[in-house]
């Protein structure tokens, strides 16, 4: 009985993850073959069904439908493991004993050839390994040469001298690379770990190099985009061409840069991650130099590091180009906005002049209106005076009309002034009813 709070839903799954893929225990002599295939999403569903076919041929239990790792014994001696990784899947076979001749009977020869050829996916990496007992303190050059057909070999002591590993990293006519491990004092689990690391170094190296063809294809395209940006920036500096046209060309260039970024950054990021794994696996070998032979670490530093530097350089150039295009677009957009503000200011000034002219015209019209209204009102006063005179009142109509002019003009001017002030007052704020 536990006295703990409720478990996190993923607690046991996460705790078991570090124990999910134990290293194989290998007894010298041993043979191993590994195949790594890139698998599309639609082919993932066929992997377990294909493994089930192999298990049925050997009368072994089929894997669970949701399995991501399979380890099963096929017959009395053949052992098979399968692992699903993020982008690829790996198939590994182990057989005890040593080939009659170097790599003449690898572990992969113990499964049907038609089954191997039908594995879902595309082969990216394949290798054979032979684990044999070391004959003495120094490895026999003839023995090494016989396993690698006389090609240049790299390697060194691994596991702090518990074994010696050799390889040439060449893919031979059968599609496999080769590893030779001379066992001095490896424990079975240690032998499994070392062999696994050697396989992973070469496999992760291939995964890391997937970005190199992309980098090579992008290099001339990036150069063309950099030249186009330089030309556009020069036009901006010289104020040549319309800003709207330059902004349109910059927008097109920005879209092209972002398209290249979107299509490549995942691969470049994955390449960096795989390269880190290669470096980690090499460090875990605890390699020591053998006289006259280049170590695996030196080989990878010389051959793999420049390719990774090329990928990193192309990735950084794309990001820098994106930033420069954004800066140029921002600069040109600011200039376009300033030009539009100037146009708006000129338009507002023109509207202000028109308003002042309209006001003056309105004031002139108001003055004429006062005179016109006064004329008609004085005329009415004159008619009224004539009527009163006809009624017997002693009154001079012309004198009455003339005397009314100042008063009428003042009254009409005051009335129009009141109306103009009333119209100029702001409208009262609306109140909620």
Protein backbone atom coordinates (compact mmCIF):
# COMPACT_ATOMS: atom_id res chain seq x y z
CA UNK A 1 0.00 0.00 0.00
CA UNK A 2 1.37 3.40 -0.99
CA UNK A 3 0.81 6.66 0.82
CA UNK A 4 1.21 8.98 -2.15
CA UNK A 5 -0.98 11.44 -4.04
CA UNK A 6 -2.70 10.10 -7.19
CA UNK A 7 -0.31 9.16 -10.01
CA UNK A 8 0.18 11.34 -13.05
CA UNK A 9 -1.56 9.59 -15.98
CA UNK A 10 1.78 9.11 -17.77
CA UNK A 11 3.93 8.27 -14.75
CA UNK A 12 4.43 4.56 -15.34
CA UNK A 13 4.79 4.99 -19.10
CA UNK A 14 7.53 7.58 -18.62
CA UNK A 15 9.26 5.54 -15.93
CA UNK A 16 9.32 2.49 -18.20
CA UNK A 17 10.68 4.44 -21.17
CA UNK A 18 14.31 4.22 -20.00
CA UNK A 19 13.96 0.44 -19.71
CA UNK A 20 12.06 -0.10 -22.97
CA UNK A 21 15.07 -0.79 -25.21
CA UNK A 22 17.68 -2.79 -23.28
CA UNK A 23 20.97 -3.57 -24.98
CA UNK A 24 21.43 -7.08 -26.29
CA UNK A 25 23.80 -9.33 -24.36
CA UNK A 26 26.33 -10.63 -26.92
CA UNK A 27 28.64 -13.58 -26.41
CA UNK A 28 31.79 -13.58 -28.52
CA UNK A 29 31.81 -14.61 -31.37
CA UNK A 30 28.66 -12.94 -32.66
CA UNK A 31 27.34 -11.54 -35.92
CA UNK A 32 24.88 -8.66 -36.28
CA UNK A 33 23.16 -6.87 -39.15
CA UNK A 34 21.22 -3.61 -38.95
CA UNK A 35 18.99 -1.95 -41.54
CA UNK A 36 17.56 1.55 -41.08
CA UNK A 37 14.75 2.68 -43.38
CA UNK A 38 13.01 6.02 -43.80
CA UNK A 39 9.29 5.38 -43.44
CA UNK A 40 6.45 7.56 -44.71
CA UNK A 41 3.35 7.93 -42.57
CA UNK A 42 1.27 5.71 -44.83
CA UNK A 43 3.89 2.93 -44.59
CA UNK A 44 3.98 2.96 -40.78
CA UNK A 45 0.87 0.84 -40.61
CA UNK A 46 2.51 -1.92 -42.68
CA UNK A 47 5.60 -2.31 -40.48
CA UNK A 48 4.08 -4.43 -37.73
CA UNK A 49 2.19 -6.53 -40.27
CA UNK A 50 5.46 -7.19 -42.07
CA UNK A 51 7.18 -8.16 -38.81
CA UNK A 52 4.25 -10.47 -38.04
CA UNK A 53 4.90 -12.28 -41.34
CA UNK A 54 8.49 -12.95 -40.25
CA UNK A 55 7.36 -14.18 -36.83
CA UNK A 56 4.85 -16.54 -38.47
CA UNK A 57 7.55 -18.03 -40.69
CA UNK A 58 9.61 -18.90 -37.63
CA UNK A 59 6.66 -19.82 -35.44
CA UNK A 60 7.24 -16.94 -33.00
CA UNK A 61 4.67 -14.74 -31.24
CA UNK A 62 3.48 -11.75 -33.26
CA UNK A 63 4.02 -8.23 -31.89
CA UNK A 64 1.26 -6.17 -30.27
CA UNK A 65 -0.58 -3.81 -32.67
CA UNK A 66 0.53 -0.68 -30.78
CA UNK A 67 4.18 -1.76 -30.27
CA UNK A 68 7.03 0.66 -31.01
CA UNK A 69 9.75 -1.82 -30.04
CA UNK A 70 9.92 -5.56 -30.76
CA UNK A 71 12.48 -8.05 -29.49
CA UNK A 72 11.89 -11.70 -30.35
CA UNK A 73 13.84 -14.94 -30.81
CA UNK A 74 13.36 -16.58 -34.19
CA UNK A 75 14.23 -20.23 -34.00
CA UNK A 76 17.01 -21.55 -31.80
CA UNK A 77 19.72 -18.98 -32.51
CA UNK A 78 18.44 -15.97 -34.47
CA UNK A 79 17.38 -12.91 -32.46
CA UNK A 80 15.47 -10.00 -34.01
CA UNK A 81 14.80 -6.47 -32.74
CA UNK A 82 12.83 -3.63 -34.30
CA UNK A 83 12.62 -0.02 -33.11
CA UNK A 84 10.47 2.81 -34.37
CA UNK A 85 12.22 6.18 -34.23
CA UNK A 86 10.96 9.63 -35.13
CA UNK A 87 11.80 9.54 -38.83
CA UNK A 88 13.05 6.02 -39.40
CA UNK A 89 12.80 2.46 -38.20
CA UNK A 90 15.66 0.07 -37.50
CA UNK A 91 15.76 -3.72 -37.94
CA UNK A 92 18.59 -5.62 -36.19
CA UNK A 93 19.48 -9.32 -36.40
CA UNK A 94 21.88 -11.23 -34.14
CA UNK A 95 23.36 -14.69 -34.75
CA UNK A 96 26.01 -16.40 -32.60
CA UNK A 97 29.21 -17.64 -34.18
CA UNK A 98 31.66 -16.42 -36.76
CA UNK A 99 31.42 -16.47 -40.56
CA UNK A 100 33.61 -19.03 -42.34
CA UNK A 101 35.14 -16.15 -44.27
CA UNK A 102 34.95 -12.44 -43.36
CA UNK A 103 31.29 -11.37 -43.59
CA UNK A 104 30.47 -14.36 -45.84
CA UNK A 105 27.45 -15.37 -43.73
CA UNK A 106 26.12 -12.21 -42.02
CA UNK A 107 23.15 -12.27 -39.68
CA UNK A 108 20.86 -10.92 -42.41
CA UNK A 109 21.42 -14.10 -44.44
CA UNK A 110 19.43 -16.08 -41.84
CA UNK A 111 16.10 -14.43 -42.78
CA UNK A 112 14.36 -14.79 -46.17
CA UNK A 113 15.73 -12.44 -48.79
CA UNK A 114 12.25 -11.65 -50.10
CA UNK A 115 11.20 -10.53 -46.61
CA UNK A 116 14.19 -8.18 -46.35
CA UNK A 117 13.49 -6.69 -49.78
CA UNK A 118 9.83 -6.04 -48.87
CA UNK A 119 10.53 -4.06 -45.66
CA UNK A 120 8.35 -0.91 -45.83
CA UNK A 121 10.35 2.25 -46.45
CA UNK A 122 13.56 3.27 -48.21
CA UNK A 123 16.94 2.04 -47.03
CA UNK A 124 19.14 4.80 -45.66
CA UNK A 125 21.67 2.74 -43.78
CA UNK A 126 22.68 -0.91 -43.52
CA UNK A 127 25.68 -2.52 -41.87
CA UNK A 128 27.10 -5.88 -40.84
CA UNK A 129 29.19 -6.36 -37.70
CA UNK A 130 31.33 -9.23 -36.51
CA UNK A 131 32.36 -9.58 -32.89
CA UNK A 132 35.33 -11.93 -32.58
CA UNK A 133 37.97 -12.60 -29.96
CA UNK A 134 41.15 -10.54 -30.10
CA UNK A 135 44.18 -12.66 -30.91
CA UNK A 136 46.76 -10.61 -29.02
CA UNK A 137 47.71 -7.17 -27.81
CA UNK A 138 48.11 -5.74 -31.30
CA UNK A 139 45.52 -6.47 -34.01
CA UNK A 140 46.77 -8.51 -36.92
CA UNK A 141 46.98 -6.22 -40.02
CA UNK A 142 46.26 -9.18 -42.31
CA UNK A 143 43.12 -10.01 -40.33
CA UNK A 144 41.93 -6.41 -40.56
CA UNK A 145 42.69 -6.17 -44.28
CA UNK A 146 40.83 -9.39 -45.01
CA UNK A 147 37.63 -8.05 -43.47
CA UNK A 148 37.71 -4.78 -45.45
CA UNK A 149 39.09 -5.85 -48.83
CA UNK A 150 42.25 -3.81 -48.37
CA UNK A 151 40.50 -0.40 -48.07
CA UNK A 152 41.61 2.32 -45.67
CA UNK A 153 40.39 1.45 -42.17
CA UNK A 154 39.69 3.71 -39.20
CA UNK A 155 39.21 2.70 -35.60
CA UNK A 156 40.79 2.37 -32.19
CA UNK A 157 40.47 0.88 -28.78
CA UNK A 158 37.00 1.28 -27.29
CA UNK A 159 35.59 0.81 -23.81
CA UNK A 160 38.89 2.02 -22.31
CA UNK A 161 40.74 -0.76 -24.09
CA UNK A 162 38.24 -3.60 -23.54
CA UNK A 163 37.90 -4.04 -27.32
CA UNK A 164 39.13 -2.75 -30.66
CA UNK A 165 36.74 -1.48 -33.34
CA UNK A 166 37.49 -1.11 -37.05
CA UNK A 167 35.41 0.14 -40.00
CA UNK A 168 35.89 1.88 -43.32
CA UNK A 169 32.38 3.43 -43.57
CA UNK A 170 32.08 2.19 -47.16
CA UNK A 171 28.83 0.82 -48.61
CA UNK A 172 29.74 -2.31 -50.50
CA UNK A 173 28.10 -4.03 -53.46
CA UNK A 174 25.67 -5.88 -51.17
CA UNK A 175 24.46 -2.52 -49.77
CA UNK A 176 26.03 -2.94 -46.32
CA UNK A 177 28.86 -1.23 -44.46
CA UNK A 178 31.11 -3.30 -42.18
CA UNK A 179 32.26 -3.19 -38.55
CA UNK A 180 34.81 -5.49 -36.97
CA UNK A 181 35.03 -5.60 -33.16
CA UNK A 182 37.90 -7.50 -31.53
CA UNK A 183 36.86 -8.50 -28.02
CA UNK A 184 39.54 -8.31 -25.36
CA UNK A 185 37.54 -8.25 -22.15
CA UNK A 186 34.00 -7.09 -22.94
CA UNK A 187 31.13 -8.26 -20.79
CA UNK A 188 28.05 -9.45 -22.74
CA UNK A 189 26.08 -6.27 -21.99
CA UNK A 190 29.08 -4.08 -22.70
CA UNK A 191 29.55 -5.83 -26.04
CA UNK A 192 25.91 -5.14 -26.89
CA UNK A 193 26.28 -1.46 -25.93
CA UNK A 194 29.44 -0.97 -27.98
CA UNK A 195 27.99 -2.63 -31.05
CA UNK A 196 24.81 -0.58 -30.69
CA UNK A 197 26.84 2.65 -30.48
CA UNK A 198 28.84 1.78 -33.58
CA UNK A 199 25.65 1.13 -35.53
CA UNK A 200 24.12 4.37 -34.25
CA UNK A 201 27.18 6.46 -35.10
CA UNK A 202 26.94 5.43 -38.74
CA UNK A 203 23.14 5.57 -38.84
CA UNK A 204 22.86 9.01 -37.23
CA UNK A 205 25.67 10.21 -39.50
CA UNK A 206 23.51 9.35 -42.51
CA UNK A 207 20.47 11.05 -40.99
CA UNK A 208 22.54 14.17 -40.29
CA UNK A 209 23.78 14.25 -43.87
CA UNK A 210 20.24 14.33 -45.28
CA UNK A 211 20.44 18.12 -45.00
CA UNK A 212 23.56 18.40 -47.15
CA UNK A 213 21.84 17.98 -50.58
CA UNK A 214 19.28 20.59 -49.51
CA UNK A 215 22.07 22.99 -48.53
CA UNK A 216 23.79 22.48 -51.87
CA UNK A 217 20.57 23.11 -53.81
CA UNK A 218 19.78 26.22 -51.77
CA UNK A 219 23.21 27.84 -52.09
CA UNK A 220 22.79 29.27 -55.64
CA UNK A 221 19.21 30.25 -54.84
CA UNK A 222 20.32 32.13 -51.73
CA UNK A 223 23.05 33.88 -53.71
CA UNK A 224 20.49 35.04 -56.28
CA UNK A 225 18.17 36.31 -53.53
CA UNK A 226 21.03 38.16 -51.82
CA UNK A 227 21.90 39.88 -55.09
CA UNK A 228 18.26 40.81 -55.67
CA UNK A 229 18.05 42.28 -52.16
CA UNK A 230 21.26 44.26 -52.69
CA UNK A 231 19.87 45.73 -55.93
CA UNK A 232 16.56 46.64 -54.30
CA UNK A 233 18.34 48.23 -51.34
CA UNK A 234 20.46 50.30 -53.72
CA UNK A 235 17.30 51.51 -55.51
CA UNK A 236 15.79 52.43 -52.15
CA UNK A 237 18.90 54.40 -51.21
CA UNK A 238 18.96 56.28 -54.51
CA UNK A 239 15.20 56.81 -54.41
CA UNK A 240 14.87 55.30 -57.87
CA UNK A 241 11.50 54.00 -59.01
CA UNK A 242 8.16 54.25 -57.30
CA UNK A 243 8.10 53.14 -53.68
CA UNK A 244 4.99 51.03 -54.25
CA UNK A 245 6.76 49.05 -56.99
CA UNK A 246 9.85 48.53 -54.84
CA UNK A 247 7.68 47.43 -51.93
CA UNK A 248 5.94 44.90 -54.18
CA UNK A 249 9.28 43.46 -55.29
CA UNK A 250 10.45 43.26 -51.66
CA UNK A 251 7.25 41.46 -50.70
CA UNK A 252 7.81 38.91 -53.47
CA UNK A 253 11.41 38.42 -52.32
CA UNK A 254 10.29 38.02 -48.70
CA UNK A 255 7.79 35.35 -49.75
CA UNK A 256 10.53 33.48 -51.62
CA UNK A 257 12.86 33.60 -48.60
CA UNK A 258 10.15 32.44 -46.21
CA UNK A 259 9.25 29.61 -48.60
CA UNK A 260 12.88 28.43 -48.58
CA UNK A 261 12.98 28.69 -44.79
CA UNK A 262 9.78 26.71 -44.34
CA UNK A 263 10.98 23.99 -46.70
CA UNK A 264 14.42 23.56 -45.11
CA UNK A 265 14.50 24.54 -41.44
CA UNK A 266 13.04 21.27 -40.16
CA UNK A 267 15.71 19.30 -42.02
CA UNK A 268 18.49 21.61 -40.84
CA UNK A 269 17.26 21.43 -37.24
CA UNK A 270 17.06 17.64 -37.41
CA UNK A 271 20.56 17.55 -38.89
CA UNK A 272 21.95 19.44 -35.89
CA UNK A 273 20.19 17.06 -33.52
CA UNK A 274 21.52 13.97 -35.30
CA UNK A 275 25.03 15.42 -35.39
CA UNK A 276 24.85 15.94 -31.62
CA UNK A 277 23.84 12.30 -31.25
CA UNK A 278 26.84 11.22 -33.36
CA UNK A 279 29.16 13.24 -31.12
CA UNK A 280 27.53 11.76 -28.02
CA UNK A 281 27.83 8.18 -29.26
CA UNK A 282 31.49 8.68 -30.18
CA UNK A 283 32.21 10.04 -26.69
CA UNK A 284 30.47 7.00 -25.19
CA UNK A 285 32.89 4.70 -27.04
CA UNK A 286 35.72 6.02 -24.83
CA UNK A 287 38.02 5.62 -27.80
CA UNK A 288 41.82 5.42 -27.63
CA UNK A 289 44.25 5.69 -30.52
CA UNK A 290 45.99 2.77 -32.21
CA UNK A 291 49.37 3.44 -33.83
CA UNK A 292 49.07 4.42 -37.48
CA UNK A 293 45.25 4.32 -37.65
CA UNK A 294 42.87 7.26 -37.69
CA UNK A 295 40.28 7.11 -34.90
CA UNK A 296 36.56 7.18 -35.56
CA UNK A 297 36.40 10.54 -33.78
CA UNK A 298 39.09 12.02 -36.05
CA UNK A 299 37.40 10.61 -39.14
CA UNK A 300 34.05 12.13 -38.22
CA UNK A 301 35.62 15.45 -37.25
CA UNK A 302 37.38 15.66 -40.60
CA UNK A 303 34.63 14.31 -42.86
CA UNK A 304 31.31 15.03 -41.13
CA UNK A 305 32.04 18.35 -39.43
CA UNK A 306 32.59 20.30 -42.71
CA UNK A 307 29.29 19.02 -44.10
CA UNK A 308 27.50 20.04 -40.90
CA UNK A 309 29.21 23.44 -41.03
CA UNK A 310 27.93 23.88 -44.61
CA UNK A 311 24.37 23.08 -43.51
CA UNK A 312 24.64 25.43 -40.53
CA UNK A 313 26.02 28.20 -42.75
CA UNK A 314 23.21 27.87 -45.31
CA UNK A 315 20.60 27.81 -42.54
CA UNK A 316 22.08 30.94 -40.95
CA UNK A 317 22.31 32.72 -44.31
CA UNK A 318 18.62 32.08 -44.89
CA UNK A 319 17.70 33.46 -41.46
CA UNK A 320 19.95 36.49 -41.94
CA UNK A 321 18.47 37.08 -45.39
CA UNK A 322 14.97 36.94 -43.93
CA UNK A 323 15.91 39.56 -41.33
CA UNK A 324 17.53 41.85 -43.92
CA UNK A 325 14.50 41.63 -46.20
CA UNK A 326 12.26 42.45 -43.24
CA UNK A 327 14.43 45.47 -42.36
CA UNK A 328 14.41 46.75 -45.94
CA UNK A 329 10.64 46.27 -46.14
CA UNK A 330 10.19 48.14 -42.86
CA UNK A 331 12.39 51.01 -44.10
CA UNK A 332 10.52 51.29 -47.38
CA UNK A 333 7.14 50.97 -45.66
CA UNK A 334 8.11 53.83 -43.35
CA UNK A 335 9.04 55.98 -46.34
CA UNK A 336 5.76 55.13 -48.07
CA UNK A 337 3.85 56.05 -44.91
CA UNK A 338 5.70 59.37 -44.63
CA UNK A 339 4.86 60.16 -48.26
CA UNK A 340 1.22 59.32 -47.63
CA UNK A 341 1.21 61.52 -44.52
CA UNK A 342 2.57 64.39 -46.58
CA UNK A 343 -0.15 63.83 -49.16
CA UNK A 344 -2.75 63.79 -46.40
CA UNK A 345 -1.34 67.00 -44.93
CA UNK A 346 -1.44 68.69 -48.32
CA UNK A 347 -5.02 67.51 -48.80
CA UNK A 348 -6.02 68.81 -45.36
CA UNK A 349 -4.33 72.17 -46.08
CA UNK A 350 -6.23 72.41 -49.37
CA UNK A 351 -9.48 71.58 -47.60
CA UNK A 352 -8.69 74.24 -44.98
CA UNK A 353 -8.13 76.86 -47.69
CA UNK A 354 -11.38 75.89 -49.33
CA UNK A 355 -13.20 76.16 -46.01
CA UNK A 356 -11.80 79.64 -45.41
CA UNK A 357 -12.83 80.74 -48.92
CA UNK A 358 -16.26 79.26 -48.35
CA UNK A 359 -16.52 81.14 -45.05
CA UNK A 360 -15.59 84.42 -46.71
CA UNK A 361 -18.09 83.78 -49.46
CA UNK A 362 -20.69 82.94 -46.85
CA UNK A 363 -19.95 86.18 -44.96
CA UNK A 364 -20.25 88.14 -48.21
CA UNK A 365 -23.52 86.43 -48.99
CA UNK A 366 -24.75 87.18 -45.45
CA UNK A 367 -23.93 90.88 -45.95
CA UNK A 368 -25.87 90.94 -49.19
CA UNK A 369 -28.67 89.05 -47.50
CA UNK A 370 -28.92 91.72 -44.79
CA UNK A 371 -29.17 94.43 -47.46
CA UNK A 372 -31.74 92.47 -49.45
CA UNK A 373 -33.93 91.64 -46.45
CA UNK A 374 -33.62 95.21 -45.17
CA UNK A 375 -34.72 96.49 -48.58
CA UNK A 376 -37.85 94.38 -48.54
CA UNK A 377 -38.65 95.21 -44.89
CA UNK A 378 -38.20 98.96 -45.50
CA UNK A 379 -40.46 98.60 -48.53
CA UNK A 380 -43.10 97.00 -46.30
CA UNK A 381 -42.73 99.90 -43.85
CA UNK A 382 -43.23 102.36 -46.74
CA UNK A 383 -46.38 100.52 -47.85
CA UNK A 384 -47.63 100.56 -44.27
CA UNK A 385 -47.01 104.33 -44.00
CA UNK A 386 -48.90 104.95 -47.26
CA UNK A 387 -51.80 102.95 -45.99
CA UNK A 388 -51.88 104.94 -42.75
CA UNK A 389 -51.72 108.21 -44.73
CA UNK A 390 -54.64 107.08 -46.87
CA UNK A 391 -56.51 106.36 -43.64
CA UNK A 392 -56.26 109.99 -42.59
CA UNK A 393 -53.09 109.94 -40.57
CA UNK A 394 -50.78 112.82 -41.25
CA UNK A 395 -47.65 110.88 -42.16
CA UNK A 396 -45.03 111.20 -44.88
CA UNK A 397 -44.44 107.66 -46.28
CA UNK A 398 -40.98 108.46 -47.69
CA UNK A 399 -39.87 109.99 -44.42
CA UNK A 400 -41.18 106.99 -42.46
CA UNK A 401 -39.39 104.54 -44.78
CA UNK A 402 -36.11 106.46 -44.56
CA UNK A 403 -36.31 106.69 -40.78
CA UNK A 404 -36.91 102.92 -40.53
CA UNK A 405 -33.83 101.94 -42.55
CA UNK A 406 -31.20 102.11 -39.70
CA UNK A 407 -33.46 100.33 -37.25
CA UNK A 408 -34.39 97.62 -39.76
CA UNK A 409 -30.76 97.03 -40.78
CA UNK A 410 -29.64 96.75 -37.14
CA UNK A 411 -32.45 94.38 -36.21
CA UNK A 412 -31.83 92.08 -39.20
CA UNK A 413 -28.03 92.09 -38.64
CA UNK A 414 -28.57 91.25 -34.94
CA UNK A 415 -31.01 88.45 -35.83
CA UNK A 416 -28.63 86.88 -38.36
CA UNK A 417 -25.75 87.11 -35.87
CA UNK A 418 -27.85 85.24 -33.30
CA UNK A 419 -28.71 82.56 -35.86
CA UNK A 420 -25.02 82.16 -36.83
CA UNK A 421 -23.96 81.81 -33.17
CA UNK A 422 -26.71 79.28 -32.59
CA UNK A 423 -25.49 77.18 -35.49
CA UNK A 424 -21.86 77.43 -34.30
CA UNK A 425 -22.65 76.12 -30.78
CA UNK A 426 -21.84 72.39 -30.28
CA UNK A 427 -24.77 70.00 -30.22
CA UNK A 428 -25.84 68.92 -26.71
CA UNK A 429 -24.78 65.41 -25.69
CA UNK A 430 -27.46 62.79 -26.09
CA UNK A 431 -28.90 61.55 -22.80
CA UNK A 432 -30.31 58.14 -22.14
CA UNK A 433 -34.06 58.35 -21.89
